């Protein structure tokens, strides 16, 4: 069960939570071959290169 929790936490950190403000108010979009996470709360943008 702890491995499942670790995967869920990693997924949330990578694909849900904003790297700047930590809020889950993010939107994912794809530009070329890069996934961009845009925070709806603070406006920060980050590229995501990780796969789980």
Protein backbone atom coordinates (compact mmCIF):
# COMPACT_ATOMS: atom_id res chain seq x y z
CA UNK A 1 0.00 0.00 0.00
CA UNK A 2 2.86 2.40 0.67
CA UNK A 3 4.10 2.03 -2.93
CA UNK A 4 0.67 3.06 -4.17
CA UNK A 5 0.73 6.11 -1.91
CA UNK A 6 4.22 7.00 -3.16
CA UNK A 7 3.04 6.81 -6.78
CA UNK A 8 -0.01 8.96 -6.02
CA UNK A 9 2.14 11.57 -4.25
CA UNK A 10 4.64 11.60 -7.12
CA UNK A 11 1.80 11.98 -9.64
CA UNK A 12 0.31 14.88 -7.67
CA UNK A 13 3.69 16.58 -7.32
CA UNK A 14 4.44 16.17 -11.02
CA UNK A 15 1.08 16.71 -12.72
CA UNK A 16 -1.24 18.49 -10.27
CA UNK A 17 0.47 20.77 -7.74
CA UNK A 18 1.97 24.09 -8.82
CA UNK A 19 5.73 24.26 -8.32
CA UNK A 20 5.49 27.92 -7.24
CA UNK A 21 2.49 28.20 -4.93
CA UNK A 22 1.69 24.53 -4.26
CA UNK A 23 -1.99 24.85 -5.16
CA UNK A 24 -3.72 22.18 -7.23
CA UNK A 25 -5.36 24.72 -9.55
CA UNK A 26 -3.34 23.76 -12.62
CA UNK A 27 -4.10 23.15 -16.25
CA UNK A 28 -2.04 20.91 -18.52
CA UNK A 29 -1.54 21.70 -22.19
CA UNK A 30 0.72 20.32 -24.88
CA UNK A 31 2.99 22.54 -26.94
CA UNK A 32 4.91 20.59 -29.59
CA UNK A 33 6.16 17.56 -27.66
CA UNK A 34 6.30 19.27 -24.26
CA UNK A 35 3.58 19.25 -21.62
CA UNK A 36 3.11 22.66 -20.00
CA UNK A 37 1.55 23.07 -16.56
CA UNK A 38 -0.08 26.46 -16.06
CA UNK A 39 -1.25 27.48 -12.61
CA UNK A 40 -4.65 29.12 -12.61
CA UNK A 41 -3.98 30.62 -9.17
CA UNK A 42 -0.59 32.33 -9.59
CA UNK A 43 0.00 32.15 -13.36
CA UNK A 44 3.27 30.20 -13.17
CA UNK A 45 4.20 27.97 -16.11
CA UNK A 46 6.42 24.90 -15.97
CA UNK A 47 7.30 22.23 -18.48
CA UNK A 48 6.80 18.62 -17.48
CA UNK A 49 9.20 16.02 -18.82
CA UNK A 50 8.53 13.21 -16.38
CA UNK A 51 6.57 10.07 -17.04
CA UNK A 52 5.30 7.80 -14.31
